[in-house]
Amino acid sequence: MAEIVNEAWQKYLKQLQLHPLRTKAITAGLLVGCSDAIAQKISGVKKLQLRRLFLMMLYGFAYSGPFGHFLHKLMDKIFKGKKGNDTVAKKVLLEQFTTSPWNNLFFMMYYGLVVEGRPWGLVKSKVRKDYPSVQLTAWKFWPIVGWVNYQYMPLQLRVLFHSFVASCW
């Protein structure tokens, strides 16, 4: 069993090297899909809502995977050659005060408009009501994830790590 897992991991790393954006997009899409399927089952759904599952996978594939890919490349350019706790802290703060608010807002709008198919007025109202608490909750959890990601994960594995934690979140 360990040999099969190791071989699969090596193939995954090779794909990351050969096709980084595509591999990260597919990985994010699959992890979001697994997360949504589990969430549906936990919520008591008898039959999996395949449309919802597909739309969530699309979000991971088309948005969160590519966004993460370019974000981490940009962070490495901004902080090129800089290491240490101060640099990690700056990366975490920059991410939390720029991309975190945007990602939460974008997800809430995508989920309301696309996944649930609600009209703009209802989505806007829900975002106004819930966004502040969503963002404050995110700031209690995601900076720790960001710290681990920037401190310990190599660049090519940061989207995988973030996507995995997000699927558990």
N, C-alpha and C. Protein backbone atom coordinates (compact mmCIF):
# COMPACT_ATOMS: atom_id res chain seq x y z
N MET A 1 0.83 -1.20 0.00
CA MET A 1 0.00 0.00 0.00
C MET A 1 0.87 1.26 0.00
N ALA A 2 1.89 1.27 0.84
CA ALA A 2 2.77 2.44 0.93
C ALA A 2 3.47 2.68 -0.41
N GLU A 3 3.78 1.62 -1.11
CA GLU A 3 4.45 1.76 -2.40
C GLU A 3 3.53 2.42 -3.43
N ILE A 4 2.25 2.06 -3.40
CA ILE A 4 1.27 2.65 -4.32
C ILE A 4 1.11 4.14 -4.03
N VAL A 5 1.01 4.47 -2.75
CA VAL A 5 0.87 5.87 -2.35
C VAL A 5 2.11 6.67 -2.75
N ASN A 6 3.27 6.12 -2.51
CA ASN A 6 4.53 6.79 -2.87
C ASN A 6 4.62 7.00 -4.38
N GLU A 7 4.23 6.00 -5.15
CA GLU A 7 4.27 6.12 -6.61
C GLU A 7 3.29 7.19 -7.09
N ALA A 8 2.09 7.21 -6.52
CA ALA A 8 1.10 8.22 -6.89
C ALA A 8 1.61 9.63 -6.53
N TRP A 9 2.24 9.75 -5.36
CA TRP A 9 2.79 11.04 -4.93
C TRP A 9 3.88 11.51 -5.89
N GLN A 10 4.74 10.61 -6.30
CA GLN A 10 5.81 10.96 -7.24
C GLN A 10 5.24 11.42 -8.58
N LYS A 11 4.18 10.75 -9.03
CA LYS A 11 3.53 11.15 -10.28
C LYS A 11 2.88 12.53 -10.13
N TYR A 12 2.29 12.76 -8.97
CA TYR A 12 1.67 14.06 -8.71
C TYR A 12 2.74 15.17 -8.73
N LEU A 13 3.86 14.94 -8.06
CA LEU A 13 4.94 15.92 -8.04
C LEU A 13 5.48 16.18 -9.45
N LYS A 14 5.54 15.15 -10.26
CA LYS A 14 6.00 15.32 -11.65
C LYS A 14 5.03 16.20 -12.42
N GLN A 15 3.72 15.98 -12.23
CA GLN A 15 2.72 16.81 -12.89
C GLN A 15 2.80 18.26 -12.40
N LEU A 16 3.06 18.43 -11.11
CA LEU A 16 3.24 19.79 -10.56
C LEU A 16 4.40 20.49 -11.24
N GLN A 17 5.45 19.74 -11.51
CA GLN A 17 6.64 20.31 -12.14
C GLN A 17 6.38 20.61 -13.62
N LEU A 18 5.71 19.69 -14.32
CA LEU A 18 5.48 19.84 -15.76
C LEU A 18 4.34 20.82 -16.06
N HIS A 19 3.27 20.76 -15.28
CA HIS A 19 2.07 21.55 -15.53
C HIS A 19 1.54 22.13 -14.21
N PRO A 20 2.25 23.09 -13.63
CA PRO A 20 1.89 23.54 -12.28
C PRO A 20 0.48 24.15 -12.18
N LEU A 21 0.12 25.03 -13.09
CA LEU A 21 -1.19 25.68 -13.00
C LEU A 21 -2.32 24.66 -13.17
N ARG A 22 -2.23 23.84 -14.19
CA ARG A 22 -3.26 22.83 -14.45
C ARG A 22 -3.40 21.87 -13.27
N THR A 23 -2.28 21.41 -12.74
CA THR A 23 -2.29 20.45 -11.64
C THR A 23 -2.92 21.07 -10.39
N LYS A 24 -2.57 22.31 -10.09
CA LYS A 24 -3.13 22.99 -8.91
C LYS A 24 -4.62 23.24 -9.10
N ALA A 25 -5.05 23.59 -10.31
CA ALA A 25 -6.47 23.83 -10.59
C ALA A 25 -7.26 22.53 -10.41
N ILE A 26 -6.77 21.44 -10.97
CA ILE A 26 -7.46 20.15 -10.85
C ILE A 26 -7.50 19.71 -9.39
N THR A 27 -6.38 19.87 -8.70
CA THR A 27 -6.32 19.48 -7.29
C THR A 27 -7.33 20.26 -6.47
N ALA A 28 -7.38 21.57 -6.65
CA ALA A 28 -8.32 22.41 -5.90
C ALA A 28 -9.76 22.00 -6.23
N GLY A 29 -10.05 21.76 -7.50
CA GLY A 29 -11.39 21.35 -7.89
C GLY A 29 -11.80 20.03 -7.25
N LEU A 30 -10.91 19.06 -7.25
CA LEU A 30 -11.21 17.76 -6.65
C LEU A 30 -11.39 17.87 -5.14
N LEU A 31 -10.54 18.65 -4.48
CA LEU A 31 -10.67 18.80 -3.03
C LEU A 31 -11.95 19.54 -2.64
N VAL A 32 -12.31 20.57 -3.40
CA VAL A 32 -13.58 21.26 -3.13
C VAL A 32 -14.74 20.29 -3.35
N GLY A 33 -14.64 19.48 -4.39
CA GLY A 33 -15.69 18.50 -4.66
C GLY A 33 -15.83 17.49 -3.53
N CYS A 34 -14.71 16.96 -3.05
CA CYS A 34 -14.75 16.01 -1.92
C CYS A 34 -15.35 16.68 -0.69
N SER A 35 -14.93 17.90 -0.44
CA SER A 35 -15.43 18.64 0.71
C SER A 35 -16.93 18.85 0.61
N ASP A 36 -17.42 19.22 -0.56
CA ASP A 36 -18.85 19.46 -0.72
C ASP A 36 -19.64 18.15 -0.60
N ALA A 37 -19.14 17.08 -1.16
CA ALA A 37 -19.83 15.79 -1.05
C ALA A 37 -19.95 15.38 0.42
N ILE A 38 -18.88 15.54 1.17
CA ILE A 38 -18.90 15.22 2.60
C ILE A 38 -19.86 16.15 3.33
N ALA A 39 -19.81 17.44 3.02
CA ALA A 39 -20.70 18.41 3.67
C ALA A 39 -22.17 18.07 3.39
N GLN A 40 -22.47 17.67 2.15
CA GLN A 40 -23.84 17.29 1.83
C GLN A 40 -24.28 16.07 2.64
N LYS A 41 -23.41 15.09 2.74
CA LYS A 41 -23.75 13.87 3.50
C LYS A 41 -23.94 14.19 4.99
N ILE A 42 -23.05 15.01 5.54
CA ILE A 42 -23.16 15.39 6.95
C ILE A 42 -24.47 16.14 7.21
N SER A 43 -24.88 16.96 6.24
CA SER A 43 -26.11 17.74 6.43
C SER A 43 -27.37 16.89 6.27
N GLY A 44 -27.21 15.63 5.92
CA GLY A 44 -28.35 14.72 5.86
C GLY A 44 -28.97 14.55 4.50
N VAL A 45 -28.34 15.05 3.47
CA VAL A 45 -28.88 14.89 2.12
C VAL A 45 -28.89 13.41 1.76
N LYS A 46 -30.03 12.93 1.30
CA LYS A 46 -30.16 11.51 0.93
C LYS A 46 -29.49 11.22 -0.40
N LYS A 47 -29.73 12.12 -1.37
CA LYS A 47 -29.16 11.96 -2.70
C LYS A 47 -28.25 13.15 -2.99
N LEU A 48 -27.02 12.88 -3.36
CA LEU A 48 -26.05 13.93 -3.64
C LEU A 48 -26.59 14.92 -4.68
N GLN A 49 -26.47 16.19 -4.39
CA GLN A 49 -26.88 17.24 -5.34
C GLN A 49 -25.74 17.45 -6.32
N LEU A 50 -25.81 16.80 -7.46
CA LEU A 50 -24.71 16.79 -8.43
C LEU A 50 -24.46 18.16 -9.05
N ARG A 51 -25.51 18.95 -9.27
CA ARG A 51 -25.32 20.29 -9.82
C ARG A 51 -24.49 21.13 -8.86
N ARG A 52 -24.87 21.10 -7.59
CA ARG A 52 -24.13 21.85 -6.57
C ARG A 52 -22.68 21.36 -6.51
N LEU A 53 -22.49 20.05 -6.51
CA LEU A 53 -21.15 19.46 -6.47
C LEU A 53 -20.32 19.94 -7.65
N PHE A 54 -20.90 19.90 -8.85
CA PHE A 54 -20.19 20.35 -10.04
C PHE A 54 -19.81 21.83 -9.94
N LEU A 55 -20.76 22.66 -9.49
CA LEU A 55 -20.50 24.10 -9.39
C LEU A 55 -19.43 24.40 -8.34
N MET A 56 -19.41 23.64 -7.28
CA MET A 56 -18.36 23.82 -6.27
C MET A 56 -17.00 23.40 -6.84
N MET A 57 -16.98 22.28 -7.56
CA MET A 57 -15.74 21.84 -8.19
C MET A 57 -15.25 22.88 -9.21
N LEU A 58 -16.19 23.47 -9.93
CA LEU A 58 -15.85 24.51 -10.90
C LEU A 58 -15.19 25.69 -10.20
N TYR A 59 -15.71 26.06 -9.04
CA TYR A 59 -15.11 27.14 -8.26
C TYR A 59 -13.65 26.82 -7.93
N GLY A 60 -13.39 25.62 -7.45
CA GLY A 60 -12.02 25.23 -7.12
C GLY A 60 -11.13 25.20 -8.35
N PHE A 61 -11.65 24.62 -9.43
CA PHE A 61 -10.87 24.47 -10.66
C PHE A 61 -10.60 25.81 -11.34
N ALA A 62 -11.64 26.63 -11.47
CA ALA A 62 -11.52 27.86 -12.25
C ALA A 62 -11.04 29.06 -11.44
N TYR A 63 -11.25 29.02 -10.12
CA TYR A 63 -10.89 30.19 -9.33
C TYR A 63 -9.84 29.89 -8.25
N SER A 64 -10.17 29.08 -7.26
CA SER A 64 -9.27 29.00 -6.09
C SER A 64 -7.91 28.37 -6.42
N GLY A 65 -7.87 27.36 -7.27
CA GLY A 65 -6.57 26.79 -7.65
C GLY A 65 -5.69 27.78 -8.40
N PRO A 66 -6.21 28.37 -9.50
CA PRO A 66 -5.41 29.36 -10.23
C PRO A 66 -5.08 30.59 -9.39
N PHE A 67 -6.05 31.08 -8.60
CA PHE A 67 -5.78 32.25 -7.76
C PHE A 67 -4.62 31.96 -6.80
N GLY A 68 -4.66 30.81 -6.15
CA GLY A 68 -3.58 30.44 -5.24
C GLY A 68 -2.24 30.31 -5.94
N HIS A 69 -2.26 29.72 -7.13
CA HIS A 69 -1.03 29.56 -7.91
C HIS A 69 -0.36 30.92 -8.15
N PHE A 70 -1.14 31.88 -8.64
CA PHE A 70 -0.57 33.19 -8.95
C PHE A 70 -0.27 34.01 -7.69
N LEU A 71 -1.08 33.84 -6.65
CA LEU A 71 -0.82 34.54 -5.39
C LEU A 71 0.55 34.14 -4.83
N HIS A 72 0.81 32.85 -4.76
CA HIS A 72 2.06 32.40 -4.15
C HIS A 72 3.27 32.73 -5.02
N LYS A 73 3.10 32.73 -6.33
CA LYS A 73 4.19 33.18 -7.20
C LYS A 73 4.47 34.66 -6.96
N LEU A 74 3.40 35.46 -6.83
CA LEU A 74 3.56 36.90 -6.58
C LEU A 74 4.23 37.15 -5.23
N MET A 75 3.80 36.42 -4.21
CA MET A 75 4.41 36.58 -2.88
C MET A 75 5.91 36.29 -2.93
N ASP A 76 6.27 35.24 -3.67
CA ASP A 76 7.70 34.93 -3.78
C ASP A 76 8.47 36.03 -4.52
N LYS A 77 7.83 36.69 -5.48
CA LYS A 77 8.49 37.80 -6.18
C LYS A 77 8.60 39.02 -5.27
N ILE A 78 7.53 39.33 -4.54
CA ILE A 78 7.54 40.49 -3.65
C ILE A 78 8.61 40.34 -2.57
N PHE A 79 8.74 39.13 -2.03
CA PHE A 79 9.68 38.89 -0.93
C PHE A 79 10.88 38.06 -1.39
N LYS A 80 11.29 38.25 -2.63
CA LYS A 80 12.36 37.46 -3.23
C LYS A 80 13.64 37.48 -2.39
N GLY A 81 14.10 36.30 -2.08
CA GLY A 81 15.34 36.15 -1.34
C GLY A 81 15.26 36.43 0.14
N LYS A 82 14.10 36.82 0.62
CA LYS A 82 13.96 37.13 2.05
C LYS A 82 13.41 35.91 2.78
N LYS A 83 13.98 35.64 3.91
CA LYS A 83 13.58 34.48 4.72
C LYS A 83 13.37 34.94 6.16
N GLY A 84 12.96 34.02 6.99
CA GLY A 84 12.85 34.31 8.41
C GLY A 84 11.44 34.63 8.85
N ASN A 85 11.28 34.70 10.16
CA ASN A 85 9.97 34.92 10.77
C ASN A 85 9.36 36.26 10.39
N ASP A 86 10.18 37.31 10.27
CA ASP A 86 9.65 38.62 9.88
C ASP A 86 9.02 38.57 8.49
N THR A 87 9.70 37.90 7.57
CA THR A 87 9.18 37.78 6.21
C THR A 87 7.90 36.95 6.19
N VAL A 88 7.88 35.86 6.92
CA VAL A 88 6.67 35.02 6.99
C VAL A 88 5.52 35.85 7.57
N ALA A 89 5.78 36.59 8.61
CA ALA A 89 4.74 37.43 9.21
C ALA A 89 4.22 38.47 8.22
N LYS A 90 5.11 39.08 7.45
CA LYS A 90 4.69 40.06 6.44
C LYS A 90 3.83 39.41 5.36
N LYS A 91 4.22 38.21 4.93
CA LYS A 91 3.44 37.49 3.92
C LYS A 91 2.04 37.17 4.46
N VAL A 92 1.98 36.71 5.69
CA VAL A 92 0.69 36.36 6.29
C VAL A 92 -0.18 37.61 6.41
N LEU A 93 0.39 38.70 6.89
CA LEU A 93 -0.38 39.94 7.04
C LEU A 93 -0.86 40.47 5.68
N LEU A 94 0.01 40.46 4.70
CA LEU A 94 -0.37 40.91 3.37
C LEU A 94 -1.51 40.06 2.81
N GLU A 95 -1.38 38.76 2.95
CA GLU A 95 -2.43 37.85 2.47
C GLU A 95 -3.75 38.08 3.21
N GLN A 96 -3.67 38.22 4.52
CA GLN A 96 -4.88 38.35 5.33
C GLN A 96 -5.61 39.68 5.12
N PHE A 97 -4.88 40.73 4.81
CA PHE A 97 -5.52 42.03 4.64
C PHE A 97 -5.86 42.36 3.18
N THR A 98 -5.45 41.50 2.25
CA THR A 98 -5.79 41.74 0.84
C THR A 98 -6.62 40.59 0.28
N THR A 99 -6.02 39.43 0.15
CA THR A 99 -6.72 38.34 -0.53
C THR A 99 -7.79 37.67 0.32
N SER A 100 -7.62 37.61 1.62
CA SER A 100 -8.62 36.97 2.47
C SER A 100 -9.98 37.67 2.38
N PRO A 101 -10.04 39.00 2.55
CA PRO A 101 -11.33 39.67 2.41
C PRO A 101 -11.95 39.48 1.02
N TRP A 102 -11.11 39.57 0.00
CA TRP A 102 -11.60 39.39 -1.37
C TRP A 102 -12.13 37.98 -1.57
N ASN A 103 -11.37 36.97 -1.17
CA ASN A 103 -11.79 35.58 -1.39
C ASN A 103 -13.10 35.27 -0.66
N ASN A 104 -13.25 35.76 0.54
CA ASN A 104 -14.49 35.50 1.28
C ASN A 104 -15.68 36.19 0.62
N LEU A 105 -15.49 37.42 0.20
CA LEU A 105 -16.55 38.14 -0.49
C LEU A 105 -16.91 37.43 -1.80
N PHE A 106 -15.91 37.09 -2.57
CA PHE A 106 -16.14 36.44 -3.86
C PHE A 106 -16.86 35.09 -3.68
N PHE A 107 -16.43 34.30 -2.68
CA PHE A 107 -17.07 33.02 -2.46
C PHE A 107 -18.53 33.19 -2.07
N MET A 108 -18.80 34.13 -1.18
CA MET A 108 -20.19 34.35 -0.75
C MET A 108 -21.07 34.75 -1.94
N MET A 109 -20.53 35.58 -2.83
CA MET A 109 -21.31 36.00 -4.00
C MET A 109 -21.48 34.82 -4.97
N TYR A 110 -20.40 34.09 -5.22
CA TYR A 110 -20.47 32.94 -6.13
C TYR A 110 -21.48 31.92 -5.60
N TYR A 111 -21.37 31.60 -4.32
CA TYR A 111 -22.26 30.59 -3.74
C TYR A 111 -23.73 31.04 -3.83
N GLY A 112 -24.00 32.27 -3.49
CA GLY A 112 -25.37 32.76 -3.54
C GLY A 112 -25.92 32.87 -4.95
N LEU A 113 -25.15 33.49 -5.83
CA LEU A 113 -25.63 33.73 -7.20
C LEU A 113 -25.61 32.49 -8.07
N VAL A 114 -24.51 31.76 -8.03
CA VAL A 114 -24.32 30.64 -8.97
C VAL A 114 -24.80 29.32 -8.38
N VAL A 115 -24.31 28.97 -7.21
CA VAL A 115 -24.64 27.66 -6.65
C VAL A 115 -26.11 27.60 -6.21
N GLU A 116 -26.53 28.60 -5.44
CA GLU A 116 -27.92 28.61 -4.96
C GLU A 116 -28.88 29.24 -5.97
N GLY A 117 -28.37 30.02 -6.92
CA GLY A 117 -29.21 30.64 -7.93
C GLY A 117 -30.13 31.72 -7.39
N ARG A 118 -29.71 32.40 -6.35
CA ARG A 118 -30.53 33.46 -5.74
C ARG A 118 -30.38 34.76 -6.52
N PRO A 119 -31.38 35.61 -6.45
CA PRO A 119 -31.28 36.91 -7.13
C PRO A 119 -30.27 37.83 -6.42
N TRP A 120 -29.73 38.78 -7.20
CA TRP A 120 -28.70 39.68 -6.70
C TRP A 120 -29.11 40.38 -5.40
N GLY A 121 -30.33 40.85 -5.31
CA GLY A 121 -30.78 41.58 -4.12
C GLY A 121 -30.68 40.74 -2.85
N LEU A 122 -31.06 39.48 -2.93
CA LEU A 122 -30.97 38.59 -1.75
C LEU A 122 -29.52 38.30 -1.39
N VAL A 123 -28.71 38.08 -2.41
CA VAL A 123 -27.28 37.79 -2.17
C VAL A 123 -26.61 39.00 -1.55
N LYS A 124 -26.90 40.17 -2.10
CA LYS A 124 -26.31 41.41 -1.56
C LYS A 124 -26.71 41.60 -0.10
N SER A 125 -27.95 41.35 0.20
CA SER A 125 -28.44 41.48 1.58
C SER A 125 -27.75 40.49 2.51
N LYS A 126 -27.60 39.25 2.05
CA LYS A 126 -26.95 38.22 2.87
C LYS A 126 -25.47 38.56 3.09
N VAL A 127 -24.81 39.04 2.05
CA VAL A 127 -23.40 39.42 2.17
C VAL A 127 -23.27 40.57 3.17
N ARG A 128 -24.10 41.57 3.07
CA ARG A 128 -24.05 42.70 4.02
C ARG A 128 -24.23 42.22 5.46
N LYS A 129 -25.14 41.28 5.64
CA LYS A 129 -25.45 40.80 6.98
C LYS A 129 -24.36 39.87 7.53
N ASP A 130 -23.88 38.95 6.71
CA ASP A 130 -22.99 37.88 7.19
C ASP A 130 -21.50 38.11 6.96
N TYR A 131 -21.15 38.95 5.98
CA TYR A 131 -19.74 39.09 5.64
C TYR A 131 -18.84 39.50 6.81
N PRO A 132 -19.22 40.49 7.61
CA PRO A 132 -18.32 40.87 8.71
C PRO A 132 -17.98 39.71 9.65
N SER A 133 -18.97 38.92 10.02
CA SER A 133 -18.68 37.80 10.93
C SER A 133 -17.89 36.70 10.22
N VAL A 134 -18.16 36.49 8.93
CA VAL A 134 -17.38 35.50 8.16
C VAL A 134 -15.91 35.92 8.14
N GLN A 135 -15.65 37.19 7.85
CA GLN A 135 -14.27 37.66 7.76
C GLN A 135 -13.57 37.62 9.12
N LEU A 136 -14.26 38.03 10.16
CA LEU A 136 -13.65 37.99 11.50
C LEU A 136 -13.33 36.56 11.91
N THR A 137 -14.22 35.62 11.59
CA THR A 137 -13.95 34.21 11.89
C THR A 137 -12.75 33.72 11.09
N ALA A 138 -12.68 34.11 9.84
CA ALA A 138 -11.54 33.72 9.00
C ALA A 138 -10.22 34.22 9.58
N TRP A 139 -10.24 35.44 10.11
CA TRP A 139 -9.01 35.99 10.69
C TRP A 139 -8.60 35.30 11.99
N LYS A 140 -9.46 34.52 12.57
CA LYS A 140 -9.10 33.75 13.76
C LYS A 140 -8.43 32.43 13.41
N PHE A 141 -8.61 31.97 12.17
CA PHE A 141 -8.12 30.65 11.78
C PHE A 141 -7.04 30.69 10.70
N TRP A 142 -7.31 31.43 9.62
CA TRP A 142 -6.44 31.37 8.45
C TRP A 142 -5.04 31.95 8.63
N PRO A 143 -4.80 32.91 9.52
CA PRO A 143 -3.41 33.34 9.70
C PRO A 143 -2.49 32.21 10.17
N ILE A 144 -3.02 31.30 10.97
CA ILE A 144 -2.22 30.15 11.42
C ILE A 144 -1.88 29.26 10.24
N VAL A 145 -2.88 29.02 9.39
CA VAL A 145 -2.67 28.21 8.19
C VAL A 145 -1.65 28.90 7.29
N GLY A 146 -1.79 30.21 7.12
CA GLY A 146 -0.84 30.96 6.30
C GLY A 146 0.57 30.88 6.84
N TRP A 147 0.70 30.97 8.17
CA TRP A 147 2.03 30.88 8.79
C TRP A 147 2.67 29.52 8.48
N VAL A 148 1.93 28.46 8.69
CA VAL A 148 2.45 27.11 8.40
C VAL A 148 2.80 27.00 6.92
N ASN A 149 1.92 27.51 6.07
CA ASN A 149 2.13 27.42 4.63
C ASN A 149 3.40 28.13 4.20
N TYR A 150 3.59 29.37 4.64
CA TYR A 150 4.77 30.14 4.22
C TYR A 150 6.04 29.69 4.93
N GLN A 151 5.90 29.19 6.13
CA GLN A 151 7.08 28.78 6.91
C GLN A 151 7.61 27.41 6.49
N TYR A 152 6.71 26.47 6.19
CA TYR A 152 7.13 25.08 6.03
C TYR A 152 6.89 24.46 4.67
N MET A 153 5.98 25.02 3.88
CA MET A 153 5.64 24.41 2.60
C MET A 153 6.49 25.00 1.47
N PRO A 154 7.02 24.13 0.63
CA PRO A 154 7.69 24.65 -0.56
C PRO A 154 6.64 25.30 -1.49
N LEU A 155 7.07 26.21 -2.31
CA LEU A 155 6.18 26.98 -3.18
C LEU A 155 5.20 26.09 -3.95
N GLN A 156 5.67 25.00 -4.52
CA GLN A 156 4.82 24.17 -5.37
C GLN A 156 3.73 23.43 -4.59
N LEU A 157 3.86 23.33 -3.26
CA LEU A 157 2.86 22.61 -2.46
C LEU A 157 1.92 23.52 -1.68
N ARG A 158 2.09 24.82 -1.80
CA ARG A 158 1.27 25.74 -1.00
C ARG A 158 -0.21 25.71 -1.38
N VAL A 159 -0.51 25.61 -2.66
CA VAL A 159 -1.92 25.55 -3.07
C VAL A 159 -2.54 24.23 -2.60
N LEU A 160 -1.80 23.15 -2.71
CA LEU A 160 -2.30 21.85 -2.22
C LEU A 160 -2.60 21.92 -0.73
N PHE A 161 -1.67 22.47 0.05
CA PHE A 161 -1.87 22.57 1.49
C PHE A 161 -3.09 23.43 1.82
N HIS A 162 -3.15 24.60 1.19
CA HIS A 162 -4.26 25.52 1.44
C HIS A 162 -5.59 24.88 1.02
N SER A 163 -5.61 24.23 -0.12
CA SER A 163 -6.83 23.58 -0.61
C SER A 163 -7.27 22.45 0.32
N PHE A 164 -6.30 21.71 0.82
CA PHE A 164 -6.63 20.61 1.75
C PHE A 164 -7.23 21.16 3.04
N VAL A 165 -6.60 22.18 3.60
CA VAL A 165 -7.14 22.77 4.84
C VAL A 165 -8.52 23.38 4.57
N ALA A 166 -8.68 24.03 3.43
CA ALA A 166 -9.98 24.62 3.08
C ALA A 166 -11.05 23.56 2.95
N SER A 167 -10.69 22.40 2.44
CA SER A 167 -11.68 21.33 2.29
C SER A 167 -12.10 20.79 3.65
N CYS A 168 -11.22 20.86 4.62
CA CYS A 168 -11.58 20.46 5.99
C CYS A 168 -12.38 21.54 6.69
N TRP A 169 -12.10 22.79 6.36
CA TRP A 169 -12.73 23.97 6.97
C TRP A 169 -14.20 23.98 6.65
